[in-house]
Amino acid sequence: MTDQEFDLMDELYFVKTFTELTDAMDMKHQTIIETLKQLLEQHWVKILDENDNEIGYNATSFAKNINNYHFIATKAGLLAHNGR
């Protein structure tokens, strides 16, 4: 787990919107997007809609809809984060 992934995972113990992440993180907007993609591909984070329904990760629609998504760490992500 990279330092950026670790720092982002710190924020995802509870559901956060993309806006909340960008406000909380001392990272560039694009860096957050790229780090989220890495975490999603590793199944360490999942995407939720505004009703907390899980949405499958799709790289094509991700950038277009990122402002509508909510994010939270998965169990596997929390284990990886705490095991570091």
PDB file of N, CA and C in Angstrom:
ATOM      1  N   MET A   1       0.849  -1.174   0.000  1.00  0.00           N
ATOM      2  CA  MET A   1       0.000   0.000   0.000  1.00  0.00           C
ATOM      3  C   MET A   1       0.897   1.241   0.000  1.00  0.00           C
ATOM      4  N   THR A   2       0.648   2.121  -0.952  1.00  0.00           N
ATOM      5  CA  THR A   2       1.443   3.345  -1.043  1.00  0.00           C
ATOM      6  C   THR A   2       1.021   4.328   0.053  1.00  0.00           C
ATOM      7  N   ASP A   3       1.848   5.339   0.277  1.00  0.00           N
ATOM      8  CA  ASP A   3       1.500   6.367   1.260  1.00  0.00           C
ATOM      9  C   ASP A   3       0.207   7.081   0.881  1.00  0.00           C
ATOM     10  N   GLN A   4       0.025   7.352  -0.411  1.00  0.00           N
ATOM     11  CA  GLN A   4      -1.198   8.025  -0.860  1.00  0.00           C
ATOM     12  C   GLN A   4      -2.420   7.148  -0.628  1.00  0.00           C
ATOM     13  N   GLU A   5      -2.300   5.858  -0.928  1.00  0.00           N
ATOM     14  CA  GLU A   5      -3.413   4.940  -0.677  1.00  0.00           C
ATOM     15  C   GLU A   5      -3.720   4.881   0.820  1.00  0.00           C
ATOM     16  N   PHE A   6      -2.675   4.816   1.628  1.00  0.00           N
ATOM     17  CA  PHE A   6      -2.852   4.760   3.078  1.00  0.00           C
ATOM     18  C   PHE A   6      -3.579   5.999   3.588  1.00  0.00           C
ATOM     19  N   ASP A   7      -3.150   7.172   3.137  1.00  0.00           N
ATOM     20  CA  ASP A   7      -3.772   8.420   3.582  1.00  0.00           C
ATOM     21  C   ASP A   7      -5.237   8.501   3.141  1.00  0.00           C
ATOM     22  N   LEU A   8      -5.529   8.054   1.943  1.00  0.00           N
ATOM     23  CA  LEU A   8      -6.906   8.084   1.458  1.00  0.00           C
ATOM     24  C   LEU A   8      -7.767   7.088   2.229  1.00  0.00           C
ATOM     25  N   MET A   9      -7.207   5.922   2.516  1.00  0.00           N
ATOM     26  CA  MET A   9      -7.946   4.923   3.292  1.00  0.00           C
ATOM     27  C   MET A   9      -8.277   5.439   4.692  1.00  0.00           C
ATOM     28  N   ASP A  10      -7.403   6.277   5.258  1.00  0.00           N
ATOM     29  CA  ASP A  10      -7.696   6.896   6.562  1.00  0.00           C
ATOM     30  C   ASP A  10      -9.029   7.628   6.548  1.00  0.00           C
ATOM     31  N   GLU A  11      -9.375   8.204   5.412  1.00  0.00           N
ATOM     32  CA  GLU A  11     -10.616   8.982   5.285  1.00  0.00           C
ATOM     33  C   GLU A  11     -11.839   8.118   5.009  1.00  0.00           C
ATOM     34  N   LEU A  12     -11.626   6.852   4.647  1.00  0.00           N
ATOM     35  CA  LEU A  12     -12.742   6.047   4.160  1.00  0.00           C
ATOM     36  C   LEU A  12     -13.240   4.991   5.142  1.00  0.00           C
ATOM     37  N   TYR A  13     -13.026   5.221   6.412  1.00  0.00           N
ATOM     38  CA  TYR A  13     -13.621   4.341   7.413  1.00  0.00           C
ATOM     39  C   TYR A  13     -15.122   4.574   7.492  1.00  0.00           C
ATOM     40  N   PHE A  14     -15.542   5.750   7.052  1.00  0.00           N
ATOM     41  CA  PHE A  14     -16.952   6.102   6.967  1.00  0.00           C
ATOM     42  C   PHE A  14     -17.223   6.609   5.556  1.00  0.00           C
ATOM     43  N   VAL A  15     -18.461   6.539   5.134  1.00  0.00           N
ATOM     44  CA  VAL A  15     -18.836   6.956   3.782  1.00  0.00           C
ATOM     45  C   VAL A  15     -18.505   8.432   3.577  1.00  0.00           C
ATOM     46  N   LYS A  16     -17.851   8.714   2.439  1.00  0.00           N
ATOM     47  CA  LYS A  16     -17.503  10.100   2.086  1.00  0.00           C
ATOM     48  C   LYS A  16     -17.823  10.334   0.623  1.00  0.00           C
ATOM     49  N   THR A  17     -18.262  11.532   0.325  1.00  0.00           N
ATOM     50  CA  THR A  17     -18.442  11.925  -1.063  1.00  0.00           C
ATOM     51  C   THR A  17     -17.087  12.325  -1.623  1.00  0.00           C
ATOM     52  N   PHE A  18     -17.020  12.448  -2.942  1.00  0.00           N
ATOM     53  CA  PHE A  18     -15.776  12.880  -3.557  1.00  0.00           C
ATOM     54  C   PHE A  18     -15.419  14.289  -3.083  1.00  0.00           C
ATOM     55  N   THR A  19     -16.409  15.148  -2.951  1.00  0.00           N
ATOM     56  CA  THR A  19     -16.169  16.515  -2.474  1.00  0.00           C
ATOM     57  C   THR A  19     -15.609  16.504  -1.062  1.00  0.00           C
ATOM     58  N   GLU A  20     -16.151  15.664  -0.210  1.00  0.00           N
ATOM     59  CA  GLU A  20     -15.630  15.565   1.162  1.00  0.00           C
ATOM     60  C   GLU A  20     -14.178  15.080   1.161  1.00  0.00           C
ATOM     61  N   LEU A  21     -13.864  14.157   0.269  1.00  0.00           N
ATOM     62  CA  LEU A  21     -12.476  13.680   0.171  1.00  0.00           C
ATOM     63  C   LEU A  21     -11.540  14.787  -0.280  1.00  0.00           C
ATOM     64  N   THR A  22     -11.941  15.531  -1.302  1.00  0.00           N
ATOM     65  CA  THR A  22     -11.058  16.591  -1.799  1.00  0.00           C
ATOM     66  C   THR A  22     -10.894  17.694  -0.763  1.00  0.00           C
ATOM     67  N   ASP A  23     -11.921  17.946   0.029  1.00  0.00           N
ATOM     68  CA  ASP A  23     -11.814  18.953   1.096  1.00  0.00           C
ATOM     69  C   ASP A  23     -10.908  18.484   2.230  1.00  0.00           C
ATOM     70  N   ALA A  24     -10.943  17.189   2.516  1.00  0.00           N
ATOM     71  CA  ALA A  24     -10.197  16.645   3.657  1.00  0.00           C
ATOM     72  C   ALA A  24      -8.743  16.322   3.337  1.00  0.00           C
ATOM     73  N   MET A  25      -8.461  16.056   2.071  1.00  0.00           N
ATOM     74  CA  MET A  25      -7.132  15.575   1.692  1.00  0.00           C
ATOM     75  C   MET A  25      -6.233  16.712   1.235  1.00  0.00           C
ATOM     76  N   ASP A  26      -4.971  16.597   1.576  1.00  0.00           N
ATOM     77  CA  ASP A  26      -3.960  17.534   1.093  1.00  0.00           C
ATOM     78  C   ASP A  26      -3.288  16.899  -0.130  1.00  0.00           C
ATOM     79  N   MET A  27      -4.140  16.635  -1.142  1.00  0.00           N
ATOM     80  CA  MET A  27      -3.694  16.002  -2.377  1.00  0.00           C
ATOM     81  C   MET A  27      -4.351  16.728  -3.539  1.00  0.00           C
ATOM     82  N   LYS A  28      -3.680  16.692  -4.671  1.00  0.00           N
ATOM     83  CA  LYS A  28      -4.270  17.280  -5.871  1.00  0.00           C
ATOM     84  C   LYS A  28      -5.484  16.457  -6.290  1.00  0.00           C
ATOM     85  N   HIS A  29      -6.437  17.139  -6.898  1.00  0.00           N
ATOM     86  CA  HIS A  29      -7.678  16.538  -7.372  1.00  0.00           C
ATOM     87  C   HIS A  29      -7.391  15.281  -8.207  1.00  0.00           C
ATOM     88  N   GLN A  30      -6.506  15.389  -9.172  1.00  0.00           N
ATOM     89  CA  GLN A  30      -6.199  14.269 -10.065  1.00  0.00           C
ATOM     90  C   GLN A  30      -5.522  13.121  -9.322  1.00  0.00           C
ATOM     91  N   THR A  31      -4.718  13.429  -8.329  1.00  0.00           N
ATOM     92  CA  THR A  31      -4.054  12.397  -7.532  1.00  0.00           C
ATOM     93  C   THR A  31      -5.084  11.595  -6.752  1.00  0.00           C
ATOM     94  N   ILE A  32      -6.082  12.264  -6.216  1.00  0.00           N
ATOM     95  CA  ILE A  32      -7.155  11.565  -5.494  1.00  0.00           C
ATOM     96  C   ILE A  32      -7.889  10.621  -6.442  1.00  0.00           C
ATOM     97  N   ILE A  33      -8.192  11.099  -7.646  1.00  0.00           N
ATOM     98  CA  ILE A  33      -8.889  10.267  -8.626  1.00  0.00           C
ATOM     99  C   ILE A  33      -8.064   9.032  -8.961  1.00  0.00           C
ATOM    100  N   GLU A  34      -6.797   9.218  -9.244  1.00  0.00           N
ATOM    101  CA  GLU A  34      -5.929   8.088  -9.601  1.00  0.00           C
ATOM    102  C   GLU A  34      -5.776   7.105  -8.436  1.00  0.00           C
ATOM    103  N   THR A  35      -5.662   7.634  -7.228  1.00  0.00           N
ATOM    104  CA  THR A  35      -5.527   6.770  -6.053  1.00  0.00           C
ATOM    105  C   THR A  35      -6.809   5.995  -5.807  1.00  0.00           C
ATOM    106  N   LEU A  36      -7.948   6.647  -5.979  1.00  0.00           N
ATOM    107  CA  LEU A  36      -9.231   5.943  -5.845  1.00  0.00           C
ATOM    108  C   LEU A  36      -9.326   4.808  -6.864  1.00  0.00           C
ATOM    109  N   LYS A  37      -8.908   5.058  -8.087  1.00  0.00           N
ATOM    110  CA  LYS A  37      -8.932   4.015  -9.118  1.00  0.00           C
ATOM    111  C   LYS A  37      -8.092   2.816  -8.683  1.00  0.00           C
ATOM    112  N   GLN A  38      -6.900   3.081  -8.154  1.00  0.00           N
ATOM    113  CA  GLN A  38      -6.027   1.997  -7.698  1.00  0.00           C
ATOM    114  C   GLN A  38      -6.699   1.195  -6.583  1.00  0.00           C
ATOM    115  N   LEU A  39      -7.305   1.892  -5.642  1.00  0.00           N
ATOM    116  CA  LEU A  39      -7.969   1.230  -4.519  1.00  0.00           C
ATOM    117  C   LEU A  39      -9.181   0.427  -4.987  1.00  0.00           C
ATOM    118  N   LEU A  40      -9.924   0.965  -5.944  1.00  0.00           N
ATOM    119  CA  LEU A  40     -11.077   0.248  -6.497  1.00  0.00           C
ATOM    120  C   LEU A  40     -10.645  -1.011  -7.236  1.00  0.00           C
ATOM    121  N   GLU A  41      -9.575  -0.918  -7.990  1.00  0.00           N
ATOM    122  CA  GLU A  41      -9.076  -2.076  -8.736  1.00  0.00           C
ATOM    123  C   GLU A  41      -8.568  -3.178  -7.811  1.00  0.00           C
ATOM    124  N   GLN A  42      -8.127  -2.794  -6.624  1.00  0.00           N
ATOM    125  CA  GLN A  42      -7.660  -3.767  -5.627  1.00  0.00           C
ATOM    126  C   GLN A  42      -8.801  -4.248  -4.733  1.00  0.00           C
ATOM    127  N   HIS A  43      -9.996  -3.724  -4.954  1.00  0.00           N
ATOM    128  CA  HIS A  43     -11.191  -4.052  -4.164  1.00  0.00           C
ATOM    129  C   HIS A  43     -11.043  -3.637  -2.706  1.00  0.00           C
ATOM    130  N   TRP A  44     -10.294  -2.568  -2.478  1.00  0.00           N
ATOM    131  CA  TRP A  44     -10.114  -2.041  -1.129  1.00  0.00           C
ATOM    132  C   TRP A  44     -11.105  -0.922  -0.823  1.00  0.00           C
ATOM    133  N   VAL A  45     -11.780  -0.436  -1.844  1.00  0.00           N
ATOM    134  CA  VAL A  45     -12.790   0.620  -1.709  1.00  0.00           C
ATOM    135  C   VAL A  45     -13.958   0.246  -2.595  1.00  0.00           C
ATOM    136  N   LYS A  46     -15.147   0.643  -2.179  1.00  0.00           N
ATOM    137  CA  LYS A  46     -16.300   0.444  -3.048  1.00  0.00           C
ATOM    138  C   LYS A  46     -17.029   1.765  -3.249  1.00  0.00           C
ATOM    139  N   ILE A  47     -17.790   1.811  -4.343  1.00  0.00           N
ATOM    140  CA  ILE A  47     -18.560   2.991  -4.715  1.00  0.00           C
ATOM    141  C   ILE A  47     -20.003   2.763  -4.306  1.00  0.00           C
ATOM    142  N   LEU A  48     -20.596   3.806  -3.748  1.00  0.00           N
ATOM    143  CA  LEU A  48     -22.014   3.777  -3.394  1.00  0.00           C
ATOM    144  C   LEU A  48     -22.721   4.935  -4.081  1.00  0.00           C
ATOM    145  N   ASP A  49     -24.026   4.744  -4.338  1.00  0.00           N
ATOM    146  CA  ASP A  49     -24.808   5.871  -4.847  1.00  0.00           C
ATOM    147  C   ASP A  49     -25.354   6.649  -3.657  1.00  0.00           C
ATOM    148  N   GLU A  50     -26.183   7.644  -3.924  1.00  0.00           N
ATOM    149  CA  GLU A  50     -26.693   8.496  -2.844  1.00  0.00           C
ATOM    150  C   GLU A  50     -27.610   7.757  -1.876  1.00  0.00           C
ATOM    151  N   ASN A  51     -28.069   6.554  -2.261  1.00  0.00           N
ATOM    152  CA  ASN A  51     -28.916   5.735  -1.382  1.00  0.00           C
ATOM    153  C   ASN A  51     -28.141   4.584  -0.744  1.00  0.00           C
ATOM    154  N   ASP A  52     -26.826   4.655  -0.812  1.00  0.00           N
ATOM    155  CA  ASP A  52     -25.926   3.641  -0.251  1.00  0.00           C
ATOM    156  C   ASP A  52     -26.026   2.283  -0.942  1.00  0.00           C
ATOM    157  N   ASN A  53     -26.460   2.271  -2.202  1.00  0.00           N
ATOM    158  CA  ASN A  53     -26.432   1.047  -3.005  1.00  0.00           C
ATOM    159  C   ASN A  53     -25.073   0.955  -3.680  1.00  0.00           C
ATOM    160  N   GLU A  54     -24.478  -0.242  -3.638  1.00  0.00           N
ATOM    161  CA  GLU A  54     -23.156  -0.412  -4.244  1.00  0.00           C
ATOM    162  C   GLU A  54     -23.247  -0.335  -5.765  1.00  0.00           C
ATOM    163  N   ILE A  55     -22.273   0.338  -6.348  1.00  0.00           N
ATOM    164  CA  ILE A  55     -22.165   0.489  -7.791  1.00  0.00           C
ATOM    165  C   ILE A  55     -20.866  -0.180  -8.214  1.00  0.00           C
ATOM    166  N   GLY A  56     -20.924  -0.989  -9.238  1.00  0.00           N
ATOM    167  CA  GLY A  56     -19.711  -1.625  -9.746  1.00  0.00           C
ATOM    168  C   GLY A  56     -18.794  -0.591 -10.389  1.00  0.00           C
ATOM    169  N   TYR A  57     -17.508  -0.795 -10.241  1.00  0.00           N
ATOM    170  CA  TYR A  57     -16.528   0.123 -10.808  1.00  0.00           C
ATOM    171  C   TYR A  57     -16.457  -0.057 -12.313  1.00  0.00           C
ATOM    172  N   ASN A  58     -16.607   1.030 -13.037  1.00  0.00           N
ATOM    173  CA  ASN A  58     -16.484   1.059 -14.487  1.00  0.00           C
ATOM    174  C   ASN A  58     -15.590   2.238 -14.827  1.00  0.00           C
ATOM    175  N   ALA A  59     -14.407   1.956 -15.362  1.00  0.00           N
ATOM    176  CA  ALA A  59     -13.422   3.006 -15.625  1.00  0.00           C
ATOM    177  C   ALA A  59     -13.947   4.078 -16.563  1.00  0.00           C
ATOM    178  N   THR A  60     -14.792   3.697 -17.500  1.00  0.00           N
ATOM    179  CA  THR A  60     -15.320   4.657 -18.469  1.00  0.00           C
ATOM    180  C   THR A  60     -16.235   5.684 -17.816  1.00  0.00           C
ATOM    181  N   SER A  61     -17.143   5.237 -16.972  1.00  0.00           N
ATOM    182  CA  SER A  61     -18.098   6.162 -16.359  1.00  0.00           C
ATOM    183  C   SER A  61     -17.584   6.777 -15.060  1.00  0.00           C
ATOM    184  N   PHE A  62     -16.474   6.264 -14.540  1.00  0.00           N
ATOM    185  CA  PHE A  62     -15.964   6.730 -13.249  1.00  0.00           C
ATOM    186  C   PHE A  62     -15.687   8.232 -13.248  1.00  0.00           C
ATOM    187  N   ALA A  63     -14.866   8.694 -14.184  1.00  0.00           N
ATOM    188  CA  ALA A  63     -14.501  10.113 -14.211  1.00  0.00           C
ATOM    189  C   ALA A  63     -15.709  11.006 -14.471  1.00  0.00           C
ATOM    190  N   LYS A  64     -16.630  10.523 -15.271  1.00  0.00           N
ATOM    191  CA  LYS A  64     -17.817  11.315 -15.618  1.00  0.00           C
ATOM    192  C   LYS A  64     -18.764  11.474 -14.423  1.00  0.00           C
ATOM    193  N   ASN A  65     -18.850  10.453 -13.587  1.00  0.00           N
ATOM    194  CA  ASN A  65     -19.828  10.441 -12.497  1.00  0.00           C
ATOM    195  C   ASN A  65     -19.228  10.586 -11.103  1.00  0.00           C
ATOM    196  N   ILE A  66     -17.938  10.838 -11.010  1.00  0.00           N
ATOM    197  CA  ILE A  66     -17.257  10.822  -9.714  1.00  0.00           C
ATOM    198  C   ILE A  66     -17.893  11.771  -8.689  1.00  0.00           C
ATOM    199  N   ASN A  67     -18.405  12.889  -9.131  1.00  0.00           N
ATOM    200  CA  ASN A  67     -19.019  13.843  -8.196  1.00  0.00           C
ATOM    201  C   ASN A  67     -20.346  13.360  -7.628  1.00  0.00           C
ATOM    202  N   ASN A  68     -20.904  12.303  -8.194  1.00  0.00           N
ATOM    203  CA  ASN A  68     -22.166  11.743  -7.700  1.00  0.00           C
ATOM    204  C   ASN A  68     -21.941  10.527  -6.805  1.00  0.00           C
ATOM    205  N   TYR A  69     -20.706  10.086  -6.697  1.00  0.00           N
ATOM    206  CA  TYR A  69     -20.398   8.864  -5.966  1.00  0.00           C
ATOM    207  C   TYR A  69     -20.055   9.140  -4.502  1.00  0.00           C
ATOM    208  N   HIS A  70     -20.267   8.110  -3.702  1.00  0.00           N
ATOM    209  CA  HIS A  70     -19.813   8.060  -2.320  1.00  0.00           C
ATOM    210  C   HIS A  70     -18.834   6.892  -2.244  1.00  0.00           C
ATOM    211  N   PHE A  71     -17.893   6.952  -1.322  1.00  0.00           N
ATOM    212  CA  PHE A  71     -16.862   5.922  -1.229  1.00  0.00           C
ATOM    213  C   PHE A  71     -16.726   5.454   0.213  1.00  0.00           C
ATOM    214  N   ILE A  72     -16.384   4.182   0.363  1.00  0.00           N
ATOM    215  CA  ILE A  72     -16.095   3.611   1.682  1.00  0.00           C
ATOM    216  C   ILE A  72     -15.119   2.447   1.507  1.00  0.00           C
ATOM    217  N   ALA A  73     -14.296   2.238   2.511  1.00  0.00           N
ATOM    218  CA  ALA A  73     -13.355   1.123   2.491  1.00  0.00           C
ATOM    219  C   ALA A  73     -14.104  -0.194   2.627  1.00  0.00           C
ATOM    220  N   THR A  74     -13.599  -1.220   1.965  1.00  0.00           N
ATOM    221  CA  THR A  74     -14.137  -2.564   2.120  1.00  0.00           C
ATOM    222  C   THR A  74     -13.442  -3.237   3.306  1.00  0.00           C
ATOM    223  N   LYS A  75     -13.944  -4.386   3.685  1.00  0.00           N
ATOM    224  CA  LYS A  75     -13.299  -5.148   4.766  1.00  0.00           C
ATOM    225  C   LYS A  75     -11.854  -5.476   4.387  1.00  0.00           C
ATOM    226  N   ALA A  76     -11.651  -5.896   3.138  1.00  0.00           N
ATOM    227  CA  ALA A  76     -10.293  -6.216   2.681  1.00  0.00           C
ATOM    228  C   ALA A  76      -9.404  -4.975   2.727  1.00  0.00           C
ATOM    229  N   GLY A  77      -9.965  -3.833   2.379  1.00  0.00           N
ATOM    230  CA  GLY A  77      -9.215  -2.589   2.426  1.00  0.00           C
ATOM    231  C   GLY A  77      -8.831  -2.201   3.841  1.00  0.00           C
ATOM    232  N   LEU A  78      -9.763  -2.365   4.761  1.00  0.00           N
ATOM    233  CA  LEU A  78      -9.475  -2.048   6.164  1.00  0.00           C
ATOM    234  C   LEU A  78      -8.400  -2.966   6.724  1.00  0.00           C
ATOM    235  N   LEU A  79      -8.448  -4.243   6.358  1.00  0.00           N
ATOM    236  CA  LEU A  79      -7.419  -5.185   6.819  1.00  0.00           C
ATOM    237  C   LEU A  79      -6.060  -4.827   6.261  1.00  0.00           C
ATOM    238  N   ALA A  80      -6.012  -4.449   4.990  1.00  0.00           N
ATOM    239  CA  ALA A  80      -4.743  -4.046   4.375  1.00  0.00           C
ATOM    240  C   ALA A  80      -4.221  -2.757   5.021  1.00  0.00           C
ATOM    241  N   HIS A  81      -5.120  -1.840   5.292  1.00  0.00           N
ATOM    242  CA  HIS A  81      -4.749  -0.563   5.905  1.00  0.00           C
ATOM    243  C   HIS A  81      -4.219  -0.780   7.321  1.00  0.00           C
ATOM    244  N   ASN A  82      -4.903  -1.594   8.093  1.00  0.00           N
ATOM    245  CA  ASN A  82      -4.491  -1.808   9.478  1.00  0.00           C
ATOM    246  C   ASN A  82      -3.265  -2.710   9.584  1.00  0.00           C
ATOM    247  N   GLY A  83      -2.991  -3.492   8.549  1.00  0.00           N
ATOM    248  CA  GLY A  83      -1.847  -4.388   8.570  1.00  0.00           C
ATOM    249  C   GLY A  83      -0.548  -3.732   8.124  1.00  0.00           C
ATOM    250  N   ARG A  84      -0.641  -2.501   7.709  1.00  0.00           N
ATOM    251  CA  ARG A  84       0.555  -1.815   7.228  1.00  0.00           C
ATOM    252  C   ARG A  84       1.451  -1.401   8.347  1.00  0.00           C
TER     253      ARG A  84
END
